[in-house]
C-alpha atoms as a PDB file:
ATOM      1  CA  MET A   1      35.536 -40.877-139.799  1.00  0.00           C
ATOM      2  CA  TYR A   2      37.635 -43.497-138.012  1.00  0.00           C
ATOM      3  CA  GLU A   3      37.204 -43.766-134.264  1.00  0.00           C
ATOM      4  CA  SER A   4      39.082 -46.403-132.317  1.00  0.00           C
ATOM      5  CA  GLY A   5      36.847 -49.196-131.087  1.00  0.00           C
ATOM      6  CA  TYR A   6      39.388 -50.584-128.639  1.00  0.00           C
ATOM      7  CA  GLY A   7      38.315 -50.639-125.033  1.00  0.00           C
ATOM      8  CA  ARG A   8      34.605 -50.137-125.732  1.00  0.00           C
ATOM      9  CA  SER A   9      31.851 -52.212-124.286  1.00  0.00           C
ATOM     10  CA  SER A  10      30.753 -55.266-126.185  1.00  0.00           C
ATOM     11  CA  ASP A  11      27.613 -53.496-127.388  1.00  0.00           C
ATOM     12  CA  VAL A  12      27.462 -52.881-131.117  1.00  0.00           C
ATOM     13  CA  ASN A  13      27.456 -49.130-131.557  1.00  0.00           C
ATOM     14  CA  GLU A  14      25.694 -47.064-134.205  1.00  0.00           C
ATOM     15  CA  ARG A  15      28.616 -46.781-136.594  1.00  0.00           C
ATOM     16  CA  HIS A  16      28.520 -50.562-137.133  1.00  0.00           C
ATOM     17  CA  ILE A  17      24.883 -50.744-138.194  1.00  0.00           C
ATOM     18  CA  GLY A  18      24.697 -52.359-141.618  1.00  0.00           C
ATOM     19  CA  ARG A  19      27.843 -54.374-140.901  1.00  0.00           C
ATOM     20  CA  GLN A  20      28.118 -57.231-138.522  1.00  0.00           C
ATOM     21  CA  ALA A  21      30.048 -56.755-135.306  1.00  0.00           C
ATOM     22  CA  ILE A  22      30.671 -59.641-132.973  1.00  0.00           C
ATOM     23  CA  VAL A  23      32.536 -60.057-129.719  1.00  0.00           C
ATOM     24  CA  LEU A  24      35.387 -62.558-129.806  1.00  0.00           C
ATOM     25  CA  ASP A  25      37.295 -63.133-126.586  1.00  0.00           C
ATOM     26  CA  GLY A  26      36.109 -59.797-125.218  1.00  0.00           C
ATOM     27  CA  THR A  27      37.152 -57.821-128.291  1.00  0.00           C
ATOM     28  CA  ASN A  28      34.873 -56.236-130.889  1.00  0.00           C
ATOM     29  CA  VAL A  29      35.444 -57.735-134.330  1.00  0.00           C
ATOM     30  CA  ILE A  30      33.889 -56.092-137.366  1.00  0.00           C
ATOM     31  CA  LEU A  31      32.982 -58.382-140.247  1.00  0.00           C
ATOM     32  CA  PHE A  32      33.109 -56.793-143.701  1.00  0.00           C
ATOM     33  CA  PRO A  33      34.162 -53.370-142.351  1.00  0.00           C
ATOM     34  CA  GLU A  34      33.524 -50.086-144.104  1.00  0.00           C
ATOM     35  CA  ARG A  35      36.495 -47.806-144.718  1.00  0.00           C
ATOM     36  CA  ASP A  36      35.501 -45.543-141.828  1.00  0.00           C
ATOM     37  CA  ASP A  37      35.668 -48.537-139.468  1.00  0.00           C
ATOM     38  CA  VAL A  38      39.367 -49.192-140.014  1.00  0.00           C
ATOM     39  CA  HIS A  39      42.391 -47.387-138.637  1.00  0.00           C
ATOM     40  CA  PRO A  40      43.921 -45.016-141.230  1.00  0.00           C
ATOM     41  CA  GLY A  41      47.048 -47.189-141.274  1.00  0.00           C
ATOM     42  CA  LEU A  42      44.978 -50.076-142.653  1.00  0.00           C
ATOM     43  CA  ALA A  43      42.901 -47.950-145.037  1.00  0.00           C
ATOM     44  CA  PRO A  44      45.227 -48.867-147.966  1.00  0.00           C
ATOM     45  CA  LEU A  45      44.413 -52.553-147.421  1.00  0.00           C
ATOM     46  CA  HIS A  46      40.703 -51.773-147.242  1.00  0.00           C
ATOM     47  CA  ASP A  47      40.982 -49.702-150.435  1.00  0.00           C
ATOM     48  CA  PHE A  48      42.850 -52.533-152.153  1.00  0.00           C
ATOM     49  CA  TRP A  49      40.175 -55.050-151.156  1.00  0.00           C
ATOM     50  CA  ARG A  50      37.265 -52.788-152.171  1.00  0.00           C
ATOM     51  CA  GLY A  51      38.925 -51.275-155.237  1.00  0.00           C
ATOM     52  CA  GLU A  52      41.431 -53.594-156.864  1.00  0.00           C
ATOM     53  CA  CYS A  53      39.634 -56.742-155.727  1.00  0.00           C
ATOM     54  CA  GLU A  54      36.137 -55.266-156.134  1.00  0.00           C
ATOM     55  CA  GLY A  55      35.155 -56.324-152.611  1.00  0.00           C
ATOM     56  CA  LEU A  56      35.460 -60.021-153.429  1.00  0.00           C
ATOM     57  CA  ALA A  57      35.721 -62.496-150.599  1.00  0.00           C
ATOM     58  CA  PRO A  58      37.571 -64.725-151.046  1.00  0.00           C
ATOM     59  CA  ILE A  59      40.080 -62.866-153.234  1.00  0.00           C
ATOM     60  CA  PRO A  60      41.599 -64.895-156.075  1.00  0.00           C
ATOM     61  CA  ARG A  61      45.319 -65.438-155.342  1.00  0.00           C
ATOM     62  CA  GLU A  62      46.390 -63.964-158.671  1.00  0.00           C
ATOM     63  CA  MET A  63      44.932 -60.594-157.648  1.00  0.00           C
ATOM     64  CA  VAL A  64      47.307 -60.347-154.686  1.00  0.00           C
ATOM     65  CA  ASP A  65      50.533 -59.364-156.382  1.00  0.00           C
ATOM     66  CA  PRO A  66      53.001 -57.424-154.202  1.00  0.00           C
ATOM     67  CA  VAL A  67      53.510 -55.007-157.109  1.00  0.00           C
ATOM     68  CA  ARG A  68      49.808 -54.058-156.913  1.00  0.00           C
ATOM     69  CA  LEU A  69      49.791 -53.620-153.125  1.00  0.00           C
ATOM     70  CA  PRO A  70      50.377 -50.190-151.622  1.00  0.00           C
ATOM     71  CA  ALA A  71      54.119 -50.047-150.787  1.00  0.00           C
ATOM     72  CA  LYS A  72      53.552 -48.917-147.211  1.00  0.00           C
ATOM     73  CA  LEU A  73      51.574 -52.114-146.525  1.00  0.00           C
ATOM     74  CA  LEU A  74      54.345 -54.524-147.499  1.00  0.00           C
ATOM     75  CA  PRO A  75      56.329 -54.415-144.210  1.00  0.00           C
ATOM     76  CA  ARG A  76      53.073 -55.098-142.329  1.00  0.00           C
ATOM     77  CA  PHE A  77      51.581 -57.615-144.764  1.00  0.00           C
ATOM     78  CA  ALA A  78      51.043 -61.326-144.161  1.00  0.00           C
ATOM     79  CA  ILE A  79      49.996 -64.256-146.302  1.00  0.00           C
ATOM     80  CA  ILE A  80      48.758 -67.227-144.315  1.00  0.00           C
ATOM     81  CA  GLU A  81      47.940 -70.641-145.774  1.00  0.00           C
ATOM     82  CA  VAL A  82      44.864 -72.388-144.398  1.00  0.00           C
ATOM     83  CA  LEU A  83      45.366 -76.099-143.751  1.00  0.00           C
ATOM     84  CA  ARG A  84      42.428 -78.445-143.150  1.00  0.00           C
ATOM     85  CA  ASP A  85      41.947 -81.685-141.232  1.00  0.00           C
ATOM     86  CA  PRO A  86      43.016 -80.576-138.693  1.00  0.00           C
ATOM     87  CA  LEU A  87      42.609 -76.836-139.047  1.00  0.00           C
ATOM     88  CA  ASP A  88      45.965 -75.062-138.842  1.00  0.00           C
ATOM     89  CA  PHE A  89      47.635 -72.076-140.451  1.00  0.00           C
ATOM     90  CA  ARG A  90      51.071 -71.746-142.081  1.00  0.00           C
ATOM     91  CA  TYR A  91      52.675 -68.314-142.200  1.00  0.00           C
ATOM     92  CA  ARG A  92      53.769 -68.037-145.853  1.00  0.00           C
ATOM     93  CA  LEU A  93      54.906 -64.415-145.770  1.00  0.00           C
ATOM     94  CA  LEU A  94      55.418 -62.010-142.887  1.00  0.00           C
ATOM     95  CA  GLY A  95      56.537 -58.458-143.590  1.00  0.00           C
ATOM     96  CA  THR A  96      59.683 -57.126-141.925  1.00  0.00           C
ATOM     97  CA  ASN A  97      57.742 -54.971-139.442  1.00  0.00           C
ATOM     98  CA  LEU A  98      55.808 -58.052-138.311  1.00  0.00           C
ATOM     99  CA  THR A  99      58.913 -60.184-137.807  1.00  0.00           C
ATOM    100  CA  GLN A 100      60.539 -57.372-135.831  1.00  0.00           C
ATOM    101  CA  PHE A 101      57.409 -56.915-133.722  1.00  0.00           C
ATOM    102  CA  PHE A 102      57.142 -60.644-132.961  1.00  0.00           C
ATOM    103  CA  GLY A 103      60.870 -60.916-132.301  1.00  0.00           C
ATOM    104  CA  ARG A 104      61.191 -63.838-134.707  1.00  0.00           C
ATOM    105  CA  ASP A 105      60.603 -64.754-138.315  1.00  0.00           C
ATOM    106  CA  SER A 106      57.770 -67.275-138.317  1.00  0.00           C
ATOM    107  CA  THR A 107      57.686 -67.559-142.117  1.00  0.00           C
ATOM    108  CA  GLY A 108      57.077 -71.199-143.031  1.00  0.00           C
ATOM    109  CA  MET A 109      55.989 -72.126-139.507  1.00  0.00           C
ATOM    110  CA  LEU A 110      52.663 -73.621-138.558  1.00  0.00           C
ATOM    111  CA  PHE A 111      50.460 -71.734-136.127  1.00  0.00           C
ATOM    112  CA  SER A 112      50.415 -74.857-133.938  1.00  0.00           C
ATOM    113  CA  GLU A 113      54.242 -74.809-133.719  1.00  0.00           C
ATOM    114  CA  ILE A 114      54.384 -71.339-132.170  1.00  0.00           C
ATOM    115  CA  PRO A 115      54.097 -71.170-128.378  1.00  0.00           C
ATOM    116  CA  TYR A 116      51.460 -68.468-128.049  1.00  0.00           C
ATOM    117  CA  PRO A 117      50.536 -67.768-124.414  1.00  0.00           C
ATOM    118  CA  GLU A 118      47.077 -69.060-123.503  1.00  0.00           C
ATOM    119  CA  PRO A 119      44.298 -68.153-123.753  1.00  0.00           C
ATOM    120  CA  HIS A 120      45.548 -65.829-126.500  1.00  0.00           C
ATOM    121  CA  GLY A 121      46.691 -68.566-128.885  1.00  0.00           C
ATOM    122  CA  GLU A 122      43.211 -70.098-129.036  1.00  0.00           C
ATOM    123  CA  GLY A 123      41.680 -66.626-129.421  1.00  0.00           C
ATOM    124  CA  LEU A 124      43.953 -65.816-132.362  1.00  0.00           C
ATOM    125  CA  LYS A 125      43.102 -69.181-133.935  1.00  0.00           C
ATOM    126  CA  ARG A 126      39.373 -68.387-133.616  1.00  0.00           C
ATOM    127  CA  TYR A 127      40.003 -64.982-135.244  1.00  0.00           C
ATOM    128  CA  PHE A 128      41.755 -66.610-138.218  1.00  0.00           C
ATOM    129  CA  SER A 129      38.979 -69.225-138.347  1.00  0.00           C
ATOM    130  CA  LEU A 130      36.382 -66.492-138.952  1.00  0.00           C
ATOM    131  CA  VAL A 131      38.253 -65.758-142.168  1.00  0.00           C
ATOM    132  CA  ALA A 132      39.020 -69.361-143.124  1.00  0.00           C
ATOM    133  CA  ASP A 133      35.644 -70.926-142.374  1.00  0.00           C
ATOM    134  CA  GLY A 134      33.317 -67.978-142.844  1.00  0.00           C
ATOM    135  CA  ASP A 135      34.913 -66.256-145.844  1.00  0.00           C
ATOM    136  CA  ALA A 136      34.699 -63.108-143.712  1.00  0.00           C
ATOM    137  CA  VAL A 137      36.796 -59.978-143.988  1.00  0.00           C
ATOM    138  CA  VAL A 138      37.659 -59.143-140.375  1.00  0.00           C
ATOM    139  CA  TYR A 139      38.946 -56.082-138.543  1.00  0.00           C
ATOM    140  CA  ARG A 140      39.745 -55.629-134.876  1.00  0.00           C
ATOM    141  CA  GLU A 141      41.749 -53.611-132.413  1.00  0.00           C
ATOM    142  CA  THR A 142      43.197 -55.368-129.386  1.00  0.00           C
ATOM    143  CA  THR A 143      46.278 -55.649-127.257  1.00  0.00           C
ATOM    144  CA  ALA A 144      49.125 -57.757-128.526  1.00  0.00           C
ATOM    145  CA  ALA A 145      49.031 -60.057-125.490  1.00  0.00           C
ATOM    146  CA  TRP A 146      49.366 -63.085-127.791  1.00  0.00           C
ATOM    147  CA  ALA A 147      52.809 -61.696-128.739  1.00  0.00           C
ATOM    148  CA  ASN A 148      53.650 -61.079-125.051  1.00  0.00           C
ATOM    149  CA  ARG A 149      53.122 -57.354-125.580  1.00  0.00           C
ATOM    150  CA  ASP A 150      49.879 -56.577-123.779  1.00  0.00           C
ATOM    151  CA  TYR A 151      50.994 -52.950-123.420  1.00  0.00           C
ATOM    152  CA  VAL A 152      50.748 -52.424-127.206  1.00  0.00           C
ATOM    153  CA  THR A 153      47.466 -51.880-129.036  1.00  0.00           C
ATOM    154  CA  ILE A 154      47.304 -53.222-132.561  1.00  0.00           C
ATOM    155  CA  ALA A 155      44.809 -53.069-135.401  1.00  0.00           C
ATOM    156  CA  SER A 156      44.507 -55.912-137.889  1.00  0.00           C
ATOM    157  CA  MET A 157      42.511 -56.632-141.011  1.00  0.00           C
ATOM    158  CA  PHE A 158      42.421 -60.000-142.731  1.00  0.00           C
ATOM    159  CA  VAL A 159      40.767 -60.987-146.011  1.00  0.00           C
ATOM    160  CA  PRO A 160      40.060 -64.539-147.256  1.00  0.00           C
ATOM    161  CA  GLY A 161      41.828 -65.716-150.380  1.00  0.00           C
ATOM    162  CA  THR A 162      41.557 -68.648-152.722  1.00  0.00           C
ATOM    163  CA  SER A 163      44.113 -70.314-154.973  1.00  0.00           C
ATOM    164  CA  ASP A 164      41.576 -72.558-156.712  1.00  0.00           C
ATOM    165  CA  GLY A 165      38.593 -70.202-157.002  1.00  0.00           C
ATOM    166  CA  ALA A 166      36.529 -72.254-154.575  1.00  0.00           C
ATOM    167  CA  ARG A 167      37.365 -72.696-150.904  1.00  0.00           C
ATOM    168  CA  THR A 168      39.293 -70.241-148.746  1.00  0.00           C
ATOM    169  CA  ASP A 169      42.821 -71.616-148.491  1.00  0.00           C
ATOM    170  CA  LEU A 170      44.718 -68.366-147.965  1.00  0.00           C
ATOM    171  CA  ILE A 171      44.409 -65.368-145.680  1.00  0.00           C
ATOM    172  CA  PHE A 172      45.832 -61.982-146.643  1.00  0.00           C
ATOM    173  CA  GLY A 173      46.172 -59.206-144.142  1.00  0.00           C
ATOM    174  CA  ALA A 174      48.124 -56.617-142.245  1.00  0.00           C
ATOM    175  CA  VAL A 175      48.801 -55.733-138.622  1.00  0.00           C
ATOM    176  CA  ILE A 176      49.826 -52.312-137.350  1.00  0.00           C
ATOM    177  CA  SER A 177      50.704 -50.927-133.957  1.00  0.00           C
ATOM    178  CA  ILE A 178      48.392 -48.032-133.065  1.00  0.00           C
ATOM    179  CA  LYS A 179      49.311 -47.257-129.416  1.00  0.00           C
END
Protein backbone atom coordinates (compact mmCIF):
# COMPACT_ATOMS: atom_id res chain seq x y z
CA MET A 1 0.00 0.00 0.00
CA TYR A 2 1.24 3.47 -0.93
CA GLU A 3 2.65 5.59 1.87
CA SER A 4 4.08 9.01 1.14
CA GLY A 5 7.85 9.12 1.42
CA TYR A 6 8.05 12.91 1.47
CA GLY A 7 9.63 14.41 4.54
CA ARG A 8 11.23 11.19 5.76
CA SER A 9 14.81 10.83 6.80
CA SER A 10 17.33 9.88 4.17
CA ASP A 11 17.49 6.32 5.48
CA VAL A 12 16.17 3.69 3.12
CA ASN A 13 13.17 2.16 4.83
CA GLU A 14 11.94 -1.42 4.69
CA ARG A 15 9.41 -0.94 1.91
CA HIS A 16 12.24 -0.08 -0.50
CA ILE A 17 14.24 -3.26 0.06
CA GLY A 18 14.73 -4.98 -3.28
CA ARG A 19 14.63 -1.64 -5.09
CA GLN A 20 17.27 0.99 -4.99
CA ALA A 21 16.59 4.20 -3.11
CA ILE A 22 19.04 7.06 -3.20
CA VAL A 23 19.09 10.54 -1.75
CA LEU A 24 19.33 13.34 -4.31
CA ASP A 25 19.47 16.89 -2.99
CA GLY A 26 17.93 15.79 0.30
CA THR A 27 15.02 13.95 -1.31
CA ASN A 28 14.48 10.19 -1.47
CA VAL A 29 14.43 8.95 -5.06
CA ILE A 30 13.31 5.42 -5.80
CA LEU A 31 14.88 3.74 -8.82
CA PHE A 32 12.71 1.15 -10.57
CA PRO A 33 9.79 1.60 -8.12
CA GLU A 34 7.19 -1.04 -7.39
CA ARG A 35 3.54 -0.08 -7.78
CA ASP A 36 3.11 0.27 -4.02
CA ASP A 37 5.91 2.85 -3.96
CA VAL A 38 4.12 5.35 -6.19
CA HIS A 39 1.31 7.74 -5.39
CA PRO A 40 -2.07 6.42 -6.63
CA GLY A 41 -2.23 9.33 -9.08
CA LEU A 42 0.85 7.97 -10.85
CA ALA A 43 -0.17 4.31 -10.64
CA PRO A 44 -1.56 4.43 -14.22
CA LEU A 45 1.89 5.42 -15.50
CA HIS A 46 3.50 2.65 -13.47
CA ASP A 47 0.94 0.17 -14.82
CA PHE A 48 1.60 1.37 -18.37
CA TRP A 49 5.35 0.93 -17.94
CA ARG A 50 5.05 -2.52 -16.31
CA GLY A 51 2.14 -3.75 -18.42
CA GLU A 52 2.06 -2.22 -21.87
CA CYS A 53 5.82 -1.74 -22.03
CA GLU A 54 6.63 -4.96 -20.14
CA GLY A 55 8.90 -3.11 -17.72
CA LEU A 56 11.37 -2.17 -20.45
CA ALA A 57 13.84 0.60 -19.80
CA PRO A 58 14.36 2.38 -22.08
CA ILE A 59 10.91 2.17 -23.68
CA PRO A 60 10.87 2.15 -27.49
CA ARG A 61 9.30 5.42 -28.72
CA GLU A 62 6.70 3.62 -30.81
CA MET A 63 5.21 2.10 -27.64
CA VAL A 64 4.38 5.54 -26.26
CA ASP A 65 1.31 6.44 -28.26
CA PRO A 66 -1.08 8.90 -26.57
CA VAL A 67 -3.98 6.65 -27.61
CA ARG A 68 -2.50 3.83 -25.48
CA LEU A 69 -1.87 6.03 -22.43
CA PRO A 70 -4.48 6.24 -19.69
CA ALA A 71 -6.56 9.37 -20.48
CA LYS A 72 -6.20 10.81 -16.99
CA LEU A 73 -2.41 10.91 -17.44
CA LEU A 74 -2.41 13.06 -20.56
CA PRO A 75 -2.83 16.48 -18.85
CA ARG A 76 0.08 15.58 -16.54
CA PHE A 77 2.28 13.84 -19.12
CA ALA A 78 5.60 15.07 -20.47
CA ILE A 79 7.94 13.97 -23.23
CA ILE A 80 11.45 15.32 -22.88
CA GLU A 81 14.19 14.97 -25.49
CA VAL A 82 17.69 14.23 -24.20
CA LEU A 83 20.42 16.23 -25.94
CA ARG A 84 24.10 15.30 -25.60
CA ASP A 85 27.36 17.23 -25.75
CA PRO A 86 26.52 19.20 -23.69
CA LEU A 87 23.78 17.45 -21.76
CA ASP A 88 20.51 19.36 -21.98
CA PHE A 89 16.82 18.55 -22.21
CA ARG A 90 14.15 19.86 -24.60
CA TYR A 91 10.53 19.77 -23.46
CA ARG A 92 8.76 18.18 -26.45
CA LEU A 93 5.32 17.83 -24.87
CA LEU A 94 3.90 19.19 -21.63
CA GLY A 95 0.32 18.36 -20.67
CA THR A 96 -2.12 21.18 -19.96
CA ASN A 97 -2.02 20.64 -16.18
CA LEU A 98 1.77 21.00 -16.25
CA THR A 99 1.72 24.22 -18.27
CA GLN A 100 -0.90 25.66 -15.92
CA PHE A 101 1.11 24.61 -12.87
CA PHE A 102 4.34 26.14 -14.22
CA GLY A 103 2.53 29.28 -15.36
CA ARG A 104 3.99 28.98 -18.86
CA ASP A 105 4.13 26.62 -21.79
CA SER A 106 7.73 25.45 -22.04
CA THR A 107 7.04 23.12 -24.97
CA GLY A 108 9.97 23.33 -27.39
CA MET A 109 12.21 25.07 -24.85
CA LEU A 110 15.55 23.80 -23.64
CA PHE A 111 16.00 23.13 -19.94
CA SER A 112 18.98 25.50 -20.00
CA GLU A 113 16.76 28.33 -21.32
CA ILE A 114 14.40 28.24 -18.35
CA PRO A 115 15.39 30.34 -15.34
CA TYR A 116 14.93 27.78 -12.58
CA PRO A 117 15.85 29.16 -9.14
CA GLU A 118 19.10 27.71 -7.80
CA PRO A 119 19.96 25.28 -6.39
CA HIS A 120 16.74 23.68 -7.66
CA GLY A 121 17.58 23.91 -11.36
CA GLU A 122 20.76 21.87 -10.93
CA GLY A 123 18.88 19.39 -8.72
CA LEU A 124 16.19 18.90 -11.36
CA LYS A 125 18.88 18.43 -14.02
CA ARG A 126 20.53 15.73 -11.87
CA TYR A 127 17.13 14.03 -11.48
CA PHE A 128 16.61 13.96 -15.26
CA SER A 129 20.21 12.78 -15.67
CA LEU A 130 19.47 9.66 -13.61
CA VAL A 131 17.00 8.73 -16.33
CA ALA A 132 19.09 9.88 -19.30
CA ASP A 133 22.46 8.48 -18.26
CA GLY A 134 21.43 5.56 -16.08
CA ASP A 135 18.41 4.24 -18.00
CA ALA A 136 16.65 4.37 -14.63
CA VAL A 137 12.94 4.64 -13.97
CA VAL A 138 12.70 7.23 -11.18
CA TYR A 139 10.05 8.26 -8.67
CA ARG A 140 10.16 10.96 -6.03
CA GLU A 141 8.05 13.24 -3.90
CA THR A 142 9.32 16.73 -3.19
CA THR A 143 8.27 20.34 -2.99
CA ALA A 144 7.92 22.26 -6.20
CA ALA A 145 10.51 24.85 -5.16
CA TRP A 146 12.07 24.66 -8.64
CA ALA A 147 8.75 26.05 -9.95
CA ASN A 148 8.71 28.74 -7.22
CA ARG A 149 6.01 26.79 -5.38
CA ASP A 150 7.76 25.36 -2.34
CA TYR A 151 4.40 25.16 -0.55
CA VAL A 152 3.19 22.46 -2.97
CA THR A 153 4.23 18.81 -2.73
CA ILE A 154 4.47 16.95 -6.00
CA ALA A 155 5.09 13.36 -7.03
CA SER A 156 6.83 12.55 -10.30
CA MET A 157 7.77 9.43 -12.21
CA PHE A 158 9.98 9.42 -15.28
CA VAL A 159 10.88 6.53 -17.59
CA PRO A 160 13.72 6.44 -20.16
CA GLY A 161 12.81 6.14 -23.81
CA THR A 162 14.64 5.46 -27.03
CA SER A 163 13.86 6.42 -30.61
CA ASP A 164 16.63 4.29 -32.11
CA GLY A 165 16.49 1.21 -29.87
CA ALA A 166 19.89 1.95 -28.36
CA ARG A 167 20.67 4.97 -26.22
CA THR A 168 18.19 6.87 -24.05
CA ASP A 169 17.25 9.98 -26.01
CA LEU A 170 13.77 10.57 -24.60
CA ILE A 171 12.22 10.77 -21.16
CA PHE A 172 8.53 10.05 -20.60
CA GLY A 173 6.82 10.93 -17.38
CA ALA A 174 4.16 12.63 -15.34
CA VAL A 175 4.00 15.07 -12.45
CA ILE A 176 1.08 15.45 -10.05
CA SER A 177 0.36 17.72 -7.14
CA ILE A 178 -0.30 15.68 -3.99
CA LYS A 179 -0.51 18.34 -1.23
